[in-house]
N, C-alpha and C. Protein backbone atom coordinates (compact mmCIF):
# COMPACT_ATOMS: atom_id res chain seq x y z
N UNK A 1 0.83 -1.20 0.00
CA UNK A 1 0.00 0.00 0.00
C UNK A 1 0.87 1.25 0.00
N UNK A 2 0.53 2.20 -0.86
CA UNK A 2 1.30 3.44 -0.91
C UNK A 2 0.56 4.54 -0.17
N UNK A 3 1.31 5.55 0.24
CA UNK A 3 0.71 6.63 1.02
C UNK A 3 -0.07 7.58 0.11
N UNK A 4 -1.32 7.80 0.46
CA UNK A 4 -2.14 8.75 -0.28
C UNK A 4 -2.22 10.03 0.55
N UNK A 5 -2.03 11.19 -0.06
CA UNK A 5 -2.17 12.44 0.70
C UNK A 5 -3.57 12.56 1.28
N UNK A 6 -3.64 12.95 2.54
CA UNK A 6 -4.93 12.97 3.22
C UNK A 6 -5.78 14.15 2.77
N UNK A 7 -7.06 13.89 2.64
CA UNK A 7 -8.00 14.97 2.32
C UNK A 7 -8.24 15.78 3.58
N UNK A 8 -8.72 17.02 3.42
CA UNK A 8 -9.03 17.83 4.62
C UNK A 8 -9.95 17.11 5.58
N UNK A 9 -10.93 16.36 5.04
CA UNK A 9 -11.86 15.65 5.92
C UNK A 9 -11.13 14.58 6.72
N UNK A 10 -10.23 13.84 6.06
CA UNK A 10 -9.49 12.81 6.77
C UNK A 10 -8.63 13.41 7.88
N UNK A 11 -8.00 14.56 7.57
CA UNK A 11 -7.21 15.24 8.60
C UNK A 11 -8.11 15.66 9.76
N UNK A 12 -9.32 16.13 9.40
CA UNK A 12 -10.27 16.55 10.42
C UNK A 12 -10.66 15.38 11.31
N UNK A 13 -10.94 14.25 10.67
CA UNK A 13 -11.35 13.05 11.42
C UNK A 13 -10.21 12.57 12.31
N UNK A 14 -8.98 12.54 11.75
CA UNK A 14 -7.82 12.14 12.56
C UNK A 14 -7.67 13.07 13.75
N UNK A 15 -7.80 14.36 13.48
CA UNK A 15 -7.70 15.36 14.53
C UNK A 15 -8.73 15.09 15.62
N UNK A 16 -9.94 14.76 15.18
CA UNK A 16 -11.02 14.48 16.13
C UNK A 16 -10.66 13.26 16.97
N UNK A 17 -10.16 12.22 16.32
CA UNK A 17 -9.86 10.99 17.05
C UNK A 17 -8.74 11.20 18.06
N UNK A 18 -7.76 12.04 17.72
CA UNK A 18 -6.66 12.25 18.66
C UNK A 18 -7.10 13.09 19.85
N UNK A 19 -7.99 14.06 19.61
CA UNK A 19 -8.39 14.95 20.71
C UNK A 19 -9.67 14.52 21.41
N UNK A 20 -10.43 13.61 20.76
CA UNK A 20 -11.67 13.10 21.36
C UNK A 20 -12.66 14.19 21.71
N UNK A 21 -12.83 15.15 20.82
CA UNK A 21 -13.84 16.18 21.05
C UNK A 21 -15.17 15.73 20.46
N UNK A 22 -16.28 16.27 20.97
CA UNK A 22 -17.58 15.92 20.40
C UNK A 22 -17.66 16.34 18.93
N UNK A 23 -18.24 15.46 18.13
CA UNK A 23 -18.30 15.73 16.70
C UNK A 23 -19.37 16.78 16.42
N UNK A 24 -19.03 17.73 15.57
CA UNK A 24 -20.04 18.72 15.17
C UNK A 24 -21.00 18.08 14.18
N UNK A 25 -22.19 18.68 14.06
CA UNK A 25 -23.21 18.11 13.19
C UNK A 25 -22.75 18.05 11.73
N UNK A 26 -22.01 19.08 11.30
CA UNK A 26 -21.60 19.11 9.89
C UNK A 26 -20.67 17.94 9.58
N UNK A 27 -19.73 17.66 10.49
CA UNK A 27 -18.82 16.54 10.27
C UNK A 27 -19.59 15.24 10.29
N UNK A 28 -20.55 15.12 11.21
CA UNK A 28 -21.32 13.88 11.30
C UNK A 28 -22.12 13.65 10.03
N UNK A 29 -22.74 14.72 9.50
CA UNK A 29 -23.52 14.56 8.28
C UNK A 29 -22.60 14.24 7.10
N UNK A 30 -21.41 14.85 7.10
CA UNK A 30 -20.45 14.56 6.03
C UNK A 30 -20.04 13.11 6.04
N UNK A 31 -19.66 12.60 7.22
CA UNK A 31 -19.23 11.21 7.29
C UNK A 31 -20.38 10.28 6.94
N UNK A 32 -21.60 10.64 7.33
CA UNK A 32 -22.75 9.83 6.98
C UNK A 32 -22.95 9.79 5.47
N UNK A 33 -22.78 10.95 4.83
CA UNK A 33 -22.93 11.01 3.38
C UNK A 33 -21.84 10.17 2.71
N UNK A 34 -20.62 10.28 3.23
CA UNK A 34 -19.52 9.50 2.66
C UNK A 34 -19.79 8.01 2.81
N UNK A 35 -20.35 7.61 3.95
CA UNK A 35 -20.68 6.21 4.17
C UNK A 35 -21.68 5.72 3.14
N UNK A 36 -22.72 6.52 2.88
CA UNK A 36 -23.73 6.08 1.92
C UNK A 36 -23.15 6.00 0.52
N UNK A 37 -22.30 6.98 0.17
CA UNK A 37 -21.63 6.94 -1.14
C UNK A 37 -20.75 5.70 -1.23
N UNK A 38 -20.06 5.40 -0.14
CA UNK A 38 -19.19 4.23 -0.08
C UNK A 38 -19.99 2.96 -0.32
N UNK A 39 -21.17 2.87 0.32
CA UNK A 39 -22.00 1.68 0.14
C UNK A 39 -22.45 1.56 -1.31
N UNK A 40 -22.86 2.69 -1.92
CA UNK A 40 -23.28 2.65 -3.32
C UNK A 40 -22.14 2.19 -4.21
N UNK A 41 -20.94 2.72 -3.96
CA UNK A 41 -19.78 2.34 -4.76
C UNK A 41 -19.49 0.86 -4.64
N UNK A 42 -19.50 0.34 -3.41
CA UNK A 42 -19.18 -1.08 -3.24
C UNK A 42 -20.26 -1.94 -3.89
N UNK A 43 -21.52 -1.47 -3.88
CA UNK A 43 -22.57 -2.23 -4.54
C UNK A 43 -22.34 -2.24 -6.04
N UNK A 44 -21.95 -1.09 -6.61
CA UNK A 44 -21.65 -1.03 -8.04
C UNK A 44 -20.49 -1.94 -8.38
N UNK A 45 -19.43 -1.89 -7.56
CA UNK A 45 -18.27 -2.75 -7.80
C UNK A 45 -18.67 -4.21 -7.74
N UNK A 46 -19.56 -4.56 -6.81
CA UNK A 46 -20.01 -5.94 -6.68
C UNK A 46 -20.77 -6.36 -7.94
N UNK A 47 -21.63 -5.47 -8.44
CA UNK A 47 -22.39 -5.78 -9.64
C UNK A 47 -21.46 -5.96 -10.83
N UNK A 48 -20.40 -5.16 -10.89
CA UNK A 48 -19.47 -5.29 -12.00
C UNK A 48 -18.65 -6.57 -11.90
N UNK A 49 -18.36 -7.00 -10.67
CA UNK A 49 -17.59 -8.24 -10.49
C UNK A 49 -18.42 -9.46 -10.85
N UNK A 50 -19.75 -9.39 -10.61
CA UNK A 50 -20.59 -10.55 -10.88
C UNK A 50 -20.53 -10.89 -12.37
N UNK A 51 -20.27 -12.15 -12.70
CA UNK A 51 -20.21 -12.52 -14.12
C UNK A 51 -21.59 -12.44 -14.76
N UNK A 52 -21.69 -11.65 -15.80
CA UNK A 52 -22.95 -11.54 -16.53
C UNK A 52 -22.91 -12.50 -17.70
N UNK A 53 -23.90 -13.40 -17.76
CA UNK A 53 -23.89 -14.39 -18.85
C UNK A 53 -24.29 -13.71 -20.15
N UNK A 54 -23.42 -13.77 -21.12
CA UNK A 54 -23.69 -13.17 -22.41
C UNK A 54 -23.60 -14.23 -23.50
N UNK A 55 -24.36 -14.07 -24.57
CA UNK A 55 -24.27 -15.04 -25.66
C UNK A 55 -22.87 -15.10 -26.24
N UNK A 56 -22.42 -16.32 -26.54
CA UNK A 56 -21.06 -16.49 -27.04
C UNK A 56 -20.95 -15.92 -28.44
N UNK A 57 -21.95 -16.19 -29.26
CA UNK A 57 -21.90 -15.68 -30.63
C UNK A 57 -23.27 -15.14 -31.03
N UNK A 58 -23.30 -14.37 -32.09
CA UNK A 58 -24.56 -13.77 -32.55
C UNK A 58 -25.52 -14.83 -33.08
N UNK A 59 -24.99 -16.00 -33.45
CA UNK A 59 -25.83 -17.02 -34.07
C UNK A 59 -26.64 -17.80 -33.03
N UNK A 60 -26.53 -17.45 -31.74
CA UNK A 60 -27.28 -18.14 -30.70
C UNK A 60 -28.19 -17.18 -29.95
N UNK A 61 -29.26 -16.71 -30.57
CA UNK A 61 -30.15 -15.77 -29.89
C UNK A 61 -30.89 -16.41 -28.72
N UNK A 62 -30.99 -17.75 -28.70
CA UNK A 62 -31.72 -18.42 -27.63
C UNK A 62 -31.03 -18.19 -26.29
N UNK A 63 -29.70 -18.15 -26.29
CA UNK A 63 -28.98 -17.99 -25.03
C UNK A 63 -29.18 -16.60 -24.44
N UNK A 64 -29.58 -15.64 -25.25
CA UNK A 64 -29.83 -14.28 -24.75
C UNK A 64 -30.99 -14.31 -23.76
N UNK A 65 -32.00 -15.12 -24.06
CA UNK A 65 -33.22 -15.08 -23.27
C UNK A 65 -33.14 -15.95 -22.02
N UNK A 66 -32.03 -16.65 -21.81
CA UNK A 66 -31.91 -17.45 -20.60
C UNK A 66 -31.59 -16.54 -19.42
N UNK A 67 -32.39 -16.63 -18.36
CA UNK A 67 -32.15 -15.79 -17.20
C UNK A 67 -32.90 -14.48 -17.30
N UNK A 68 -33.29 -13.92 -16.14
CA UNK A 68 -34.09 -12.68 -16.13
C UNK A 68 -33.34 -11.50 -16.71
N UNK A 69 -32.03 -11.39 -16.39
CA UNK A 69 -31.27 -10.25 -16.90
C UNK A 69 -31.07 -10.39 -18.40
N UNK A 70 -30.82 -11.63 -18.86
CA UNK A 70 -30.60 -11.86 -20.28
C UNK A 70 -31.83 -11.47 -21.09
N UNK A 71 -33.01 -11.79 -20.55
CA UNK A 71 -34.23 -11.46 -21.28
C UNK A 71 -34.36 -9.95 -21.44
N UNK A 72 -33.96 -9.23 -20.41
CA UNK A 72 -34.05 -7.78 -20.47
C UNK A 72 -33.14 -7.24 -21.57
N UNK A 73 -31.88 -7.69 -21.57
CA UNK A 73 -30.95 -7.24 -22.59
C UNK A 73 -31.36 -7.76 -23.96
N UNK A 74 -31.94 -8.96 -23.98
CA UNK A 74 -32.27 -9.59 -25.24
C UNK A 74 -33.25 -8.76 -26.05
N UNK A 75 -34.24 -8.16 -25.39
CA UNK A 75 -35.21 -7.37 -26.13
C UNK A 75 -34.53 -6.22 -26.86
N UNK A 76 -33.57 -5.59 -26.18
CA UNK A 76 -32.85 -4.49 -26.82
C UNK A 76 -32.04 -5.00 -28.00
N UNK A 77 -31.30 -6.11 -27.74
CA UNK A 77 -30.39 -6.60 -28.78
C UNK A 77 -31.16 -7.10 -30.00
N UNK A 78 -32.26 -7.85 -29.77
CA UNK A 78 -32.98 -8.40 -30.92
C UNK A 78 -33.61 -7.29 -31.74
N UNK A 79 -34.16 -6.26 -31.08
CA UNK A 79 -34.76 -5.17 -31.85
C UNK A 79 -33.68 -4.44 -32.64
N UNK A 80 -32.50 -4.33 -32.04
CA UNK A 80 -31.39 -3.67 -32.73
C UNK A 80 -30.96 -4.51 -33.93
N UNK A 81 -30.90 -5.83 -33.74
CA UNK A 81 -30.50 -6.72 -34.84
C UNK A 81 -31.51 -6.63 -35.98
N UNK A 82 -32.79 -6.54 -35.62
CA UNK A 82 -33.82 -6.50 -36.66
C UNK A 82 -33.63 -5.27 -37.54
N UNK A 83 -33.28 -4.15 -36.93
CA UNK A 83 -33.10 -2.93 -37.72
C UNK A 83 -31.84 -3.01 -38.57
N UNK A 84 -30.77 -3.57 -37.99
CA UNK A 84 -29.51 -3.59 -38.73
C UNK A 84 -29.57 -4.60 -39.87
N UNK A 85 -30.37 -5.69 -39.68
CA UNK A 85 -30.42 -6.73 -40.70
C UNK A 85 -31.34 -6.32 -41.81
């Protein structure tokens, strides 16, 4: 792990932890907002890590419709294919 320069908020939080002063409302709301953003990011990363089953070749349209997510994408792809063909 390499050292990342600390953001003002991180310095503020470190400062708070060393001095143990009561947290002001603004800092508390900021950290809460960061937590929610963090959760959203990790959920997005998890979705990206999950293997999405995609058809191996264009000649197998049946495999598009397997699975709930595939069916959703399949409608877009088949309508697009119809126009291009």
